[in-house]
Amino acid sequence: MLSLDHRKSEVLSRLDELRQARGTAYLDGAPFDYADIEAAERELEAIVAAEGEAARRERAAHAEAADARRREMWAMVARTEKRRLEALDKAQKAAKDMAAAIAETLACGVEITNLTHQLDPSLKLSLRDDFAERLSRHLSTELRAAIRFDRKWGAIQFPEHRDCDRGSWRAAEEKIQHPSLKGE
């Protein structure tokens, strides 16, 4: 099947030839059958209408494809939002678990301080104030690495980064333990 452009070109050429033949017949006083011109003009009108319909269908197909893409993107948004909310649930649980672990660590520190003071009142051991500074730096190092912000994220301000804040929190504490806590 010929393309509409090719068919239109052929019909326009044929119409030109027929119109020229009509002019020649008119000048020569010869009879001319107008049915061929009328048929060619109807075919040209049909081709023009078909071109319009083809363009409309193409626009409709593009619009449908764009709508399908938008629907898929909204579906992706919904799936991503579901994952985000699931991650938020995990973060909340982790934050509560971390808060409970920190509370337990602090309570143990108070207990150790009280016990060591009872054992030796001259021993100035406190696992509260310095520990809070160390732990907050460890925690801020982990948060900063996870969220990739420099000094501030929302209401949280991060201290200046120090290499000693990286690594095992337990190992850092064991390095600075008072000899009496090591069983020495």
C-alpha atoms as a PDB file:
ATOM      1  CA  MET A   1       0.000   0.000   0.000  1.00  0.00           C
ATOM      2  CA  LEU A   2       1.357   3.410  -0.960  1.00  0.00           C
ATOM      3  CA  SER A   3       1.882   6.040   1.700  1.00  0.00           C
ATOM      4  CA  LEU A   4      -0.588   8.922   1.874  1.00  0.00           C
ATOM      5  CA  ASP A   5       2.133  11.359   0.795  1.00  0.00           C
ATOM      6  CA  HIS A   6       2.939   9.250  -2.260  1.00  0.00           C
ATOM      7  CA  ARG A   7      -0.735   8.822  -3.161  1.00  0.00           C
ATOM      8  CA  LYS A   8      -1.352  12.549  -2.667  1.00  0.00           C
ATOM      9  CA  SER A   9       1.582  13.363  -4.936  1.00  0.00           C
ATOM     10  CA  GLU A  10       0.223  11.026  -7.630  1.00  0.00           C
ATOM     11  CA  VAL A  11      -3.292  12.486  -7.410  1.00  0.00           C
ATOM     12  CA  LEU A  12      -1.961  16.065  -7.562  1.00  0.00           C
ATOM     13  CA  SER A  13       0.095  15.172 -10.656  1.00  0.00           C
ATOM     14  CA  ARG A  14      -2.934  13.514 -12.253  1.00  0.00           C
ATOM     15  CA  LEU A  15      -5.099  16.548 -11.387  1.00  0.00           C
ATOM     16  CA  ASP A  16      -2.546  18.867 -13.014  1.00  0.00           C
ATOM     17  CA  GLU A  17      -2.560  16.703 -16.145  1.00  0.00           C
ATOM     18  CA  LEU A  18      -6.382  16.577 -16.209  1.00  0.00           C
ATOM     19  CA  ARG A  19      -6.665  20.335 -15.714  1.00  0.00           C
ATOM     20  CA  GLN A  20      -4.163  20.905 -18.515  1.00  0.00           C
ATOM     21  CA  ALA A  21      -6.133  18.507 -20.750  1.00  0.00           C
ATOM     22  CA  ARG A  22      -9.347  20.374 -19.845  1.00  0.00           C
ATOM     23  CA  GLY A  23      -7.716  23.685 -20.821  1.00  0.00           C
ATOM     24  CA  THR A  24      -6.509  22.177 -24.103  1.00  0.00           C
ATOM     25  CA  ALA A  25      -9.966  20.748 -24.837  1.00  0.00           C
ATOM     26  CA  TYR A  26     -11.559  24.078 -24.061  1.00  0.00           C
ATOM     27  CA  LEU A  27      -9.192  25.952 -26.375  1.00  0.00           C
ATOM     28  CA  ASP A  28      -9.698  23.374 -29.141  1.00  0.00           C
ATOM     29  CA  GLY A  29     -13.469  23.324 -28.642  1.00  0.00           C
ATOM     30  CA  ALA A  30     -13.302  19.596 -27.975  1.00  0.00           C
ATOM     31  CA  PRO A  31     -15.532  17.792 -25.503  1.00  0.00           C
ATOM     32  CA  PHE A  32     -14.043  17.000 -22.053  1.00  0.00           C
ATOM     33  CA  ASP A  33     -15.277  14.511 -19.452  1.00  0.00           C
ATOM     34  CA  TYR A  34     -15.235  16.270 -16.072  1.00  0.00           C
ATOM     35  CA  ALA A  35     -15.856  13.019 -14.198  1.00  0.00           C
ATOM     36  CA  ASP A  36     -12.119  12.235 -14.095  1.00  0.00           C
ATOM     37  CA  ILE A  37     -11.323  15.621 -12.503  1.00  0.00           C
ATOM     38  CA  GLU A  38     -14.193  15.260 -10.023  1.00  0.00           C
ATOM     39  CA  ALA A  39     -13.029  11.738  -9.122  1.00  0.00           C
ATOM     40  CA  ALA A  40      -9.436  12.960  -8.630  1.00  0.00           C
ATOM     41  CA  GLU A  41     -10.640  15.900  -6.500  1.00  0.00           C
ATOM     42  CA  ARG A  42     -12.763  13.541  -4.341  1.00  0.00           C
ATOM     43  CA  GLU A  43      -9.740  11.252  -3.966  1.00  0.00           C
ATOM     44  CA  LEU A  44      -7.590  14.267  -2.975  1.00  0.00           C
ATOM     45  CA  GLU A  45     -10.227  15.303  -0.387  1.00  0.00           C
ATOM     46  CA  ALA A  46     -10.245  11.743   0.946  1.00  0.00           C
ATOM     47  CA  ILE A  47      -6.444  11.747   1.195  1.00  0.00           C
ATOM     48  CA  VAL A  48      -6.456  15.102   3.015  1.00  0.00           C
ATOM     49  CA  ALA A  49      -9.128  13.751   5.390  1.00  0.00           C
ATOM     50  CA  ALA A  50      -7.071  10.573   5.890  1.00  0.00           C
ATOM     51  CA  GLU A  51      -3.980  12.672   6.666  1.00  0.00           C
ATOM     52  CA  GLY A  52      -5.971  14.566   9.274  1.00  0.00           C
ATOM     53  CA  GLU A  53      -7.243  11.321  10.784  1.00  0.00           C
ATOM     54  CA  ALA A  54      -3.746   9.837  10.774  1.00  0.00           C
ATOM     55  CA  ALA A  55      -2.414  12.942  12.545  1.00  0.00           C
ATOM     56  CA  ARG A  56      -5.267  12.770  15.073  1.00  0.00           C
ATOM     57  CA  ARG A  57      -4.549   9.081  15.734  1.00  0.00           C
ATOM     58  CA  GLU A  58      -0.847   9.800  16.134  1.00  0.00           C
ATOM     59  CA  ARG A  59      -1.595  12.586  18.616  1.00  0.00           C
ATOM     60  CA  ALA A  60      -3.985  10.274  20.463  1.00  0.00           C
ATOM     61  CA  ALA A  61      -1.345   7.519  20.549  1.00  0.00           C
ATOM     62  CA  HIS A  62       1.251   9.978  21.858  1.00  0.00           C
ATOM     63  CA  ALA A  63      -1.214  11.268  24.448  1.00  0.00           C
ATOM     64  CA  GLU A  64      -2.046   7.698  25.527  1.00  0.00           C
ATOM     65  CA  ALA A  65       1.658   6.843  25.756  1.00  0.00           C
ATOM     66  CA  ALA A  66       2.274   9.998  27.802  1.00  0.00           C
ATOM     67  CA  ASP A  67      -0.693   9.132  30.052  1.00  0.00           C
ATOM     68  CA  ALA A  68       0.610   5.577  30.462  1.00  0.00           C
ATOM     69  CA  ARG A  69       4.050   6.957  31.357  1.00  0.00           C
ATOM     70  CA  ARG A  70       2.505   9.341  33.890  1.00  0.00           C
ATOM     71  CA  ARG A  71       0.470   6.487  35.407  1.00  0.00           C
ATOM     72  CA  GLU A  72       3.614   4.349  35.645  1.00  0.00           C
ATOM     73  CA  MET A  73       5.530   7.220  37.236  1.00  0.00           C
ATOM     74  CA  TRP A  74       2.720   7.760  39.791  1.00  0.00           C
ATOM     75  CA  ALA A  75       2.821   4.024  40.503  1.00  0.00           C
ATOM     76  CA  MET A  76       6.588   4.359  41.017  1.00  0.00           C
ATOM     77  CA  VAL A  77       5.952   7.304  43.355  1.00  0.00           C
ATOM     78  CA  ALA A  78       3.469   5.182  45.337  1.00  0.00           C
ATOM     79  CA  ARG A  79       5.909   2.248  45.555  1.00  0.00           C
ATOM     80  CA  THR A  80       8.753   4.556  46.580  1.00  0.00           C
ATOM     81  CA  GLU A  81       6.557   6.250  49.181  1.00  0.00           C
ATOM     82  CA  LYS A  82       5.687   2.829  50.600  1.00  0.00           C
ATOM     83  CA  ARG A  83       9.406   1.993  50.843  1.00  0.00           C
ATOM     84  CA  ARG A  84      10.093   5.399  52.430  1.00  0.00           C
ATOM     85  CA  LEU A  85       7.431   4.859  55.079  1.00  0.00           C
ATOM     86  CA  GLU A  86       8.707   1.334  55.776  1.00  0.00           C
ATOM     87  CA  ALA A  87      12.208   2.756  56.182  1.00  0.00           C
ATOM     88  CA  LEU A  88      10.786   5.414  58.502  1.00  0.00           C
ATOM     89  CA  ASP A  89       9.211   2.671  60.624  1.00  0.00           C
ATOM     90  CA  LYS A  90      12.610   0.924  60.762  1.00  0.00           C
ATOM     91  CA  ALA A  91      14.329   4.205  61.678  1.00  0.00           C
ATOM     92  CA  GLN A  92      11.820   4.854  64.460  1.00  0.00           C
ATOM     93  CA  LYS A  93      12.264   1.338  65.856  1.00  0.00           C
ATOM     94  CA  ALA A  94      16.049   1.673  65.626  1.00  0.00           C
ATOM     95  CA  ALA A  95      15.891   5.076  67.348  1.00  0.00           C
ATOM     96  CA  LYS A  96      13.768   3.633  70.163  1.00  0.00           C
ATOM     97  CA  ASP A  97      16.111   0.641  70.481  1.00  0.00           C
ATOM     98  CA  MET A  98      19.088   2.990  70.484  1.00  0.00           C
ATOM     99  CA  ALA A  99      17.464   5.249  73.100  1.00  0.00           C
ATOM    100  CA  ALA A 100      16.808   2.217  75.295  1.00  0.00           C
ATOM    101  CA  ALA A 101      20.403   1.001  74.847  1.00  0.00           C
ATOM    102  CA  ILE A 102      21.781   4.462  75.679  1.00  0.00           C
ATOM    103  CA  ALA A 103      19.521   4.669  78.751  1.00  0.00           C
ATOM    104  CA  GLU A 104      20.815   1.268  79.866  1.00  0.00           C
ATOM    105  CA  THR A 105      24.422   2.357  79.199  1.00  0.00           C
ATOM    106  CA  LEU A 106      23.881   5.542  81.222  1.00  0.00           C
ATOM    107  CA  ALA A 107      22.205   3.646  84.073  1.00  0.00           C
ATOM    108  CA  CYS A 108      25.126   1.203  84.145  1.00  0.00           C
ATOM    109  CA  GLY A 109      27.532   4.143  84.229  1.00  0.00           C
ATOM    110  CA  VAL A 110      25.706   5.665  87.217  1.00  0.00           C
ATOM    111  CA  GLU A 111      25.704   2.286  88.961  1.00  0.00           C
ATOM    112  CA  ILE A 112      29.440   1.800  88.301  1.00  0.00           C
ATOM    113  CA  THR A 113      30.147   5.324  89.580  1.00  0.00           C
ATOM    114  CA  ASN A 114      28.143   4.694  92.767  1.00  0.00           C
ATOM    115  CA  LEU A 115      29.709   1.269  93.360  1.00  0.00           C
ATOM    116  CA  THR A 116      33.275   2.457  92.794  1.00  0.00           C
ATOM    117  CA  HIS A 117      32.652   5.453  95.087  1.00  0.00           C
ATOM    118  CA  GLN A 118      31.437   3.054  97.795  1.00  0.00           C
ATOM    119  CA  LEU A 119      34.514   0.884  97.289  1.00  0.00           C
ATOM    120  CA  ASP A 120      36.968   3.778  97.296  1.00  0.00           C
ATOM    121  CA  PRO A 121      35.589   7.270  98.071  1.00  0.00           C
ATOM    122  CA  SER A 122      38.824   8.846  96.855  1.00  0.00           C
ATOM    123  CA  LEU A 123      38.304   7.384  93.382  1.00  0.00           C
ATOM    124  CA  LYS A 124      36.994  10.146  91.122  1.00  0.00           C
ATOM    125  CA  LEU A 125      35.414   7.964  88.483  1.00  0.00           C
ATOM    126  CA  SER A 126      32.451   9.351  86.543  1.00  0.00           C
ATOM    127  CA  LEU A 127      31.006   7.600  83.514  1.00  0.00           C
ATOM    128  CA  ARG A 128      28.373  10.205  82.891  1.00  0.00           C
ATOM    129  CA  ASP A 129      29.611  13.591  81.655  1.00  0.00           C
ATOM    130  CA  ASP A 130      32.603  12.621  79.513  1.00  0.00           C
ATOM    131  CA  PHE A 131      30.759   9.575  78.279  1.00  0.00           C
ATOM    132  CA  ALA A 132      27.844  11.691  77.035  1.00  0.00           C
ATOM    133  CA  GLU A 133      30.270  13.777  74.997  1.00  0.00           C
ATOM    134  CA  ARG A 134      31.967  10.711  73.530  1.00  0.00           C
ATOM    135  CA  LEU A 135      28.741   8.900  72.764  1.00  0.00           C
ATOM    136  CA  SER A 136      27.134  11.970  71.184  1.00  0.00           C
ATOM    137  CA  ARG A 137      30.160  12.352  68.908  1.00  0.00           C
ATOM    138  CA  HIS A 138      30.024   8.681  67.907  1.00  0.00           C
ATOM    139  CA  LEU A 139      26.321   8.988  67.205  1.00  0.00           C
ATOM    140  CA  SER A 140      26.698  12.210  65.196  1.00  0.00           C
ATOM    141  CA  THR A 141      29.453  10.582  63.115  1.00  0.00           C
ATOM    142  CA  GLU A 142      27.101   7.724  62.199  1.00  0.00           C
ATOM    143  CA  LEU A 143      24.206  10.071  61.425  1.00  0.00           C
ATOM    144  CA  ARG A 144      26.347  12.425  59.369  1.00  0.00           C
ATOM    145  CA  ALA A 145      27.649   9.514  57.273  1.00  0.00           C
ATOM    146  CA  ALA A 146      24.127   8.169  56.713  1.00  0.00           C
ATOM    147  CA  ILE A 147      22.439  11.424  55.730  1.00  0.00           C
ATOM    148  CA  ARG A 148      25.448  13.072  54.060  1.00  0.00           C
ATOM    149  CA  PHE A 149      25.052  16.525  55.539  1.00  0.00           C
ATOM    150  CA  ASP A 150      27.898  18.640  56.777  1.00  0.00           C
ATOM    151  CA  ARG A 151      27.185  20.615  59.948  1.00  0.00           C
ATOM    152  CA  LYS A 152      23.409  20.720  60.280  1.00  0.00           C
ATOM    153  CA  TRP A 153      20.428  18.542  59.422  1.00  0.00           C
ATOM    154  CA  GLY A 154      17.051  19.886  60.452  1.00  0.00           C
ATOM    155  CA  ALA A 155      17.242  20.615  64.182  1.00  0.00           C
ATOM    156  CA  ILE A 156      20.413  18.532  64.607  1.00  0.00           C
ATOM    157  CA  GLN A 157      23.779  20.295  64.632  1.00  0.00           C
ATOM    158  CA  PHE A 158      26.835  18.112  64.227  1.00  0.00           C
ATOM    159  CA  PRO A 159      30.133  18.738  65.982  1.00  0.00           C
ATOM    160  CA  GLU A 160      33.339  19.045  64.022  1.00  0.00           C
ATOM    161  CA  HIS A 161      34.374  15.681  62.586  1.00  0.00           C
ATOM    162  CA  ARG A 162      37.175  13.790  64.335  1.00  0.00           C
ATOM    163  CA  ASP A 163      38.688  10.520  63.131  1.00  0.00           C
ATOM    164  CA  CYS A 164      38.654   9.155  66.673  1.00  0.00           C
ATOM    165  CA  ASP A 165      34.836   9.224  66.600  1.00  0.00           C
ATOM    166  CA  ARG A 166      34.813   6.483  63.963  1.00  0.00           C
ATOM    167  CA  GLY A 167      35.042   2.775  64.583  1.00  0.00           C
ATOM    168  CA  SER A 168      33.816   0.598  67.413  1.00  0.00           C
ATOM    169  CA  TRP A 169      32.226   2.536  70.245  1.00  0.00           C
ATOM    170  CA  ARG A 170      33.000  -0.301  72.630  1.00  0.00           C
ATOM    171  CA  ALA A 171      36.679  -0.416  71.619  1.00  0.00           C
ATOM    172  CA  ALA A 172      36.945   3.334  72.177  1.00  0.00           C
ATOM    173  CA  GLU A 173      35.518   2.963  75.679  1.00  0.00           C
ATOM    174  CA  GLU A 174      37.745  -0.008  76.501  1.00  0.00           C
ATOM    175  CA  LYS A 175      40.829   2.044  75.530  1.00  0.00           C
ATOM    176  CA  ILE A 176      40.111   4.688  78.153  1.00  0.00           C
ATOM    177  CA  GLN A 177      38.704   2.492  80.930  1.00  0.00           C
ATOM    178  CA  HIS A 178      39.897   3.114  84.443  1.00  0.00           C
ATOM    179  CA  PRO A 179      42.231   0.265  85.468  1.00  0.00           C
ATOM    180  CA  SER A 180      39.807  -0.741  88.234  1.00  0.00           C
ATOM    181  CA  LEU A 181      37.123  -1.470  85.601  1.00  0.00           C
ATOM    182  CA  LYS A 182      39.464  -3.803  83.755  1.00  0.00           C
ATOM    183  CA  GLY A 183      39.865  -5.969  86.814  1.00  0.00           C
ATOM    184  CA  GLU A 184      43.474  -4.852  87.382  1.00  0.00           C
END
